[in-house]
C-alpha atoms as a PDB file:
ATOM      1  CA  MET A   1     -25.115  23.989  -8.019  1.00  0.00           C
ATOM      2  CA  THR A   2     -22.057  24.503  -5.819  1.00  0.00           C
ATOM      3  CA  VAL A   3     -21.458  28.092  -4.683  1.00  0.00           C
ATOM      4  CA  LYS A   4     -18.442  29.094  -2.618  1.00  0.00           C
ATOM      5  CA  ILE A   5     -16.924  32.372  -1.487  1.00  0.00           C
ATOM      6  CA  GLU A   6     -13.221  32.525  -0.736  1.00  0.00           C
ATOM      7  CA  PRO A   7     -10.166  34.780  -0.888  1.00  0.00           C
ATOM      8  CA  ILE A   8      -8.734  35.139  -4.387  1.00  0.00           C
ATOM      9  CA  THR A   9      -5.527  36.521  -5.830  1.00  0.00           C
ATOM     10  CA  LEU A  10      -5.202  40.017  -7.205  1.00  0.00           C
ATOM     11  CA  GLU A  11      -4.541  38.485 -10.630  1.00  0.00           C
ATOM     12  CA  GLN A  12      -7.896  36.674 -10.573  1.00  0.00           C
ATOM     13  CA  CYS A  13      -9.550  39.899  -9.513  1.00  0.00           C
ATOM     14  CA  LEU A  14      -7.921  41.920 -12.303  1.00  0.00           C
ATOM     15  CA  ASP A  15      -9.183  39.516 -14.963  1.00  0.00           C
ATOM     16  CA  LEU A  16     -12.779  39.860 -13.790  1.00  0.00           C
ATOM     17  CA  ARG A  17     -12.508  43.633 -13.235  1.00  0.00           C
ATOM     18  CA  GLN A  18     -11.423  44.086 -16.824  1.00  0.00           C
ATOM     19  CA  HIS A  19     -14.034  41.777 -18.309  1.00  0.00           C
ATOM     20  CA  VAL A  20     -16.962  43.309 -16.408  1.00  0.00           C
ATOM     21  CA  LEU A  21     -16.093  46.907 -15.529  1.00  0.00           C
ATOM     22  CA  TRP A  22     -13.745  48.233 -18.190  1.00  0.00           C
ATOM     23  CA  PRO A  23     -13.431  45.776 -21.121  1.00  0.00           C
ATOM     24  CA  ASP A  24     -11.972  48.478 -23.374  1.00  0.00           C
ATOM     25  CA  ARG A  25      -9.051  49.230 -21.030  1.00  0.00           C
ATOM     26  CA  PRO A  26      -5.745  47.427 -20.633  1.00  0.00           C
ATOM     27  CA  ARG A  27      -5.832  44.946 -17.746  1.00  0.00           C
ATOM     28  CA  GLU A  28      -2.954  46.627 -15.881  1.00  0.00           C
ATOM     29  CA  SER A  29      -4.773  49.976 -15.869  1.00  0.00           C
ATOM     30  CA  LEU A  30      -7.304  48.403 -13.481  1.00  0.00           C
ATOM     31  CA  ARG A  31      -4.687  47.796 -10.816  1.00  0.00           C
ATOM     32  CA  LEU A  32      -5.282  50.122  -7.845  1.00  0.00           C
ATOM     33  CA  ALA A  33      -2.511  51.601  -5.714  1.00  0.00           C
ATOM     34  CA  GLU A  34      -4.233  50.002  -2.715  1.00  0.00           C
ATOM     35  CA  ASP A  35      -4.122  46.542  -4.319  1.00  0.00           C
ATOM     36  CA  ASN A  36      -0.550  46.088  -3.109  1.00  0.00           C
ATOM     37  CA  ASP A  37      -1.272  47.228   0.442  1.00  0.00           C
ATOM     38  CA  ASP A  38      -0.835  44.607   3.155  1.00  0.00           C
ATOM     39  CA  THR A  39      -4.428  45.119   4.255  1.00  0.00           C
ATOM     40  CA  ALA A  40      -5.948  44.604   0.773  1.00  0.00           C
ATOM     41  CA  ARG A  41      -8.300  41.643   0.603  1.00  0.00           C
ATOM     42  CA  HIS A  42      -9.868  40.219  -2.537  1.00  0.00           C
ATOM     43  CA  PHE A  43     -12.799  37.815  -2.450  1.00  0.00           C
ATOM     44  CA  GLY A  44     -14.454  35.801  -5.163  1.00  0.00           C
ATOM     45  CA  LEU A  45     -17.703  33.947  -5.557  1.00  0.00           C
ATOM     46  CA  PHE A  46     -17.445  30.731  -7.528  1.00  0.00           C
ATOM     47  CA  VAL A  47     -20.290  28.798  -9.150  1.00  0.00           C
ATOM     48  CA  GLN A  48     -19.248  25.259 -10.096  1.00  0.00           C
ATOM     49  CA  ASP A  49     -15.606  26.373  -9.649  1.00  0.00           C
ATOM     50  CA  LYS A  50     -16.039  29.280 -12.101  1.00  0.00           C
ATOM     51  CA  LEU A  51     -15.178  32.737 -10.723  1.00  0.00           C
ATOM     52  CA  ILE A  52     -18.234  34.848 -11.477  1.00  0.00           C
ATOM     53  CA  SER A  53     -17.995  37.733  -8.976  1.00  0.00           C
ATOM     54  CA  CYS A  54     -15.233  39.565  -7.113  1.00  0.00           C
ATOM     55  CA  VAL A  55     -14.820  42.406  -4.667  1.00  0.00           C
ATOM     56  CA  SER A  56     -11.847  44.159  -3.069  1.00  0.00           C
ATOM     57  CA  LEU A  57     -11.812  45.399   0.517  1.00  0.00           C
ATOM     58  CA  PHE A  58      -9.344  47.978   1.819  1.00  0.00           C
ATOM     59  CA  THR A  59      -8.599  49.351   5.272  1.00  0.00           C
ATOM     60  CA  THR A  60      -8.399  53.147   5.367  1.00  0.00           C
ATOM     61  CA  ASN A  61      -8.277  53.539   9.147  1.00  0.00           C
ATOM     62  CA  ASN A  62      -9.413  51.718  12.267  1.00  0.00           C
ATOM     63  CA  ASP A  63     -13.032  52.826  11.916  1.00  0.00           C
ATOM     64  CA  CYS A  64     -13.634  52.802   8.147  1.00  0.00           C
ATOM     65  CA  TRP A  65     -13.010  50.340   5.331  1.00  0.00           C
ATOM     66  CA  VAL A  66     -13.639  50.761   1.607  1.00  0.00           C
ATOM     67  CA  ILE A  67     -15.196  48.387  -0.918  1.00  0.00           C
ATOM     68  CA  ARG A  68     -13.882  48.803  -4.457  1.00  0.00           C
ATOM     69  CA  LYS A  69     -14.201  47.211  -7.871  1.00  0.00           C
ATOM     70  CA  PHE A  70     -17.179  44.942  -7.226  1.00  0.00           C
ATOM     71  CA  ALA A  71     -17.782  42.983 -10.432  1.00  0.00           C
ATOM     72  CA  THR A  72     -20.153  40.176 -11.407  1.00  0.00           C
ATOM     73  CA  LEU A  73     -20.290  38.557 -14.828  1.00  0.00           C
ATOM     74  CA  GLU A  74     -23.313  39.944 -16.667  1.00  0.00           C
ATOM     75  CA  GLU A  75     -24.914  36.549 -17.263  1.00  0.00           C
ATOM     76  CA  TYR A  76     -24.920  35.938 -13.476  1.00  0.00           C
ATOM     77  CA  GLN A  77     -26.274  39.346 -12.438  1.00  0.00           C
ATOM     78  CA  SER A  78     -29.727  39.673 -10.815  1.00  0.00           C
ATOM     79  CA  ARG A  79     -29.525  36.079  -9.564  1.00  0.00           C
ATOM     80  CA  GLY A  80     -28.449  36.794  -5.969  1.00  0.00           C
ATOM     81  CA  TYR A  81     -24.757  35.968  -6.339  1.00  0.00           C
ATOM     82  CA  GLY A  82     -23.538  39.539  -5.924  1.00  0.00           C
ATOM     83  CA  THR A  83     -25.739  39.920  -2.854  1.00  0.00           C
ATOM     84  CA  GLN A  84     -24.208  36.784  -1.334  1.00  0.00           C
ATOM     85  CA  LEU A  85     -20.695  38.121  -1.904  1.00  0.00           C
ATOM     86  CA  LEU A  86     -21.574  41.570  -0.545  1.00  0.00           C
ATOM     87  CA  GLN A  87     -23.203  40.081   2.564  1.00  0.00           C
ATOM     88  CA  GLN A  88     -20.147  37.910   3.233  1.00  0.00           C
ATOM     89  CA  THR A  89     -17.876  40.946   2.790  1.00  0.00           C
ATOM     90  CA  LEU A  90     -20.013  42.992   5.188  1.00  0.00           C
ATOM     91  CA  ALA A  91     -19.921  40.138   7.712  1.00  0.00           C
ATOM     92  CA  ILE A  92     -16.106  40.319   7.642  1.00  0.00           C
ATOM     93  CA  VAL A  93     -16.312  44.073   8.255  1.00  0.00           C
ATOM     94  CA  ASP A  94     -18.775  43.593  11.111  1.00  0.00           C
ATOM     95  CA  GLN A  95     -16.665  40.837  12.720  1.00  0.00           C
ATOM     96  CA  ALA A  96     -13.659  43.168  12.655  1.00  0.00           C
ATOM     97  CA  GLY A  97     -15.630  45.782  14.601  1.00  0.00           C
ATOM     98  CA  ILE A  98     -15.420  48.353  11.815  1.00  0.00           C
ATOM     99  CA  LYS A  99     -18.017  51.080  12.191  1.00  0.00           C
ATOM    100  CA  LYS A 100     -18.302  52.366   8.615  1.00  0.00           C
ATOM    101  CA  VAL A 101     -17.884  51.125   5.038  1.00  0.00           C
ATOM    102  CA  ASN A 102     -17.547  53.470   2.055  1.00  0.00           C
ATOM    103  CA  LEU A 103     -17.798  52.825  -1.669  1.00  0.00           C
ATOM    104  CA  ASP A 104     -18.334  54.568  -4.982  1.00  0.00           C
ATOM    105  CA  SER A 105     -21.370  53.149  -6.765  1.00  0.00           C
ATOM    106  CA  ARG A 106     -22.152  53.361 -10.423  1.00  0.00           C
ATOM    107  CA  ARG A 107     -25.566  54.937 -10.900  1.00  0.00           C
ATOM    108  CA  THR A 108     -26.847  51.595 -12.187  1.00  0.00           C
ATOM    109  CA  ALA A 109     -25.920  49.804  -8.920  1.00  0.00           C
ATOM    110  CA  ILE A 110     -27.334  52.234  -6.341  1.00  0.00           C
ATOM    111  CA  ARG A 111     -30.418  50.119  -5.533  1.00  0.00           C
ATOM    112  CA  PHE A 112     -28.246  47.011  -5.151  1.00  0.00           C
ATOM    113  CA  TYR A 113     -26.220  48.695  -2.394  1.00  0.00           C
ATOM    114  CA  GLN A 114     -29.237  50.371  -0.769  1.00  0.00           C
ATOM    115  CA  LYS A 115     -30.772  46.915  -0.216  1.00  0.00           C
ATOM    116  CA  SER A 116     -27.760  46.151   2.018  1.00  0.00           C
ATOM    117  CA  GLY A 117     -28.063  49.321   4.080  1.00  0.00           C
ATOM    118  CA  PHE A 118     -25.856  51.730   2.121  1.00  0.00           C
ATOM    119  CA  GLN A 119     -26.935  55.359   1.832  1.00  0.00           C
ATOM    120  CA  ILE A 120     -25.985  57.953  -0.761  1.00  0.00           C
ATOM    121  CA  CYS A 121     -23.707  60.590   0.768  1.00  0.00           C
ATOM    122  CA  SER A 122     -22.662  62.718  -2.233  1.00  0.00           C
ATOM    123  CA  GLU A 123     -23.919  64.362  -5.349  1.00  0.00           C
ATOM    124  CA  PRO A 124     -23.397  62.364  -8.554  1.00  0.00           C
ATOM    125  CA  PHE A 125     -19.979  62.728 -10.154  1.00  0.00           C
ATOM    126  CA  ILE A 126     -18.403  61.532 -13.386  1.00  0.00           C
ATOM    127  CA  LYS A 127     -15.280  59.368 -13.379  1.00  0.00           C
ATOM    128  CA  ASP A 128     -13.871  58.122 -16.678  1.00  0.00           C
ATOM    129  CA  GLY A 129     -17.167  58.900 -18.397  1.00  0.00           C
ATOM    130  CA  VAL A 130     -19.306  56.934 -15.905  1.00  0.00           C
ATOM    131  CA  GLU A 131     -21.683  58.453 -13.335  1.00  0.00           C
ATOM    132  CA  PHE A 132     -21.046  57.501  -9.700  1.00  0.00           C
ATOM    133  CA  VAL A 133     -22.224  58.479  -6.222  1.00  0.00           C
ATOM    134  CA  LYS A 134     -20.446  57.987  -2.923  1.00  0.00           C
ATOM    135  CA  MET A 135     -22.247  55.656  -0.529  1.00  0.00           C
ATOM    136  CA  GLN A 136     -21.683  54.629   3.079  1.00  0.00           C
ATOM    137  CA  ARG A 137     -22.990  52.071   5.534  1.00  0.00           C
ATOM    138  CA  TYR A 138     -22.669  52.242   9.313  1.00  0.00           C
ATOM    139  CA  THR A 139     -22.619  49.028  11.309  1.00  0.00           C
ATOM    140  CA  ASP A 140     -23.777  51.012  14.338  1.00  0.00           C
ATOM    141  CA  LEU A 141     -26.990  52.731  13.240  1.00  0.00           C
ATOM    142  CA  SER A 142     -26.656  55.347  16.011  1.00  0.00           C
ATOM    143  CA  LEU A 143     -23.723  56.844  14.067  1.00  0.00           C
ATOM    144  CA  GLN A 144     -25.814  57.738  11.009  1.00  0.00           C
END
């Protein structure tokens, strides 16, 4: 089975975001203000040329980047594909010399992110009826 990770368009990302994260919402409502920023990067994982997972990466400042809207088709979850995409995304962050990565995790995905070194850094909060926590990962462990 051929697996590849590569940059994708925002349009490809929006389709998967809607299907996985918010199927009851209009596609355009899933567009983030940051999506149009020059530093926005969208990556996809393809299995046999089918886009099955996507993630968006945004620069907030020179020391911190943010991961948003990570989505993997349900039938491909718990098979290691999301982990591959997250690890590749974190490698890009590390290569850029970024010291910290932030994200908001759904309660159901906390363990997934913890396995890659993310730590919870907030109390749970509700956004659009879904429970989230803020998480962060330092590339330099002395900063924790």
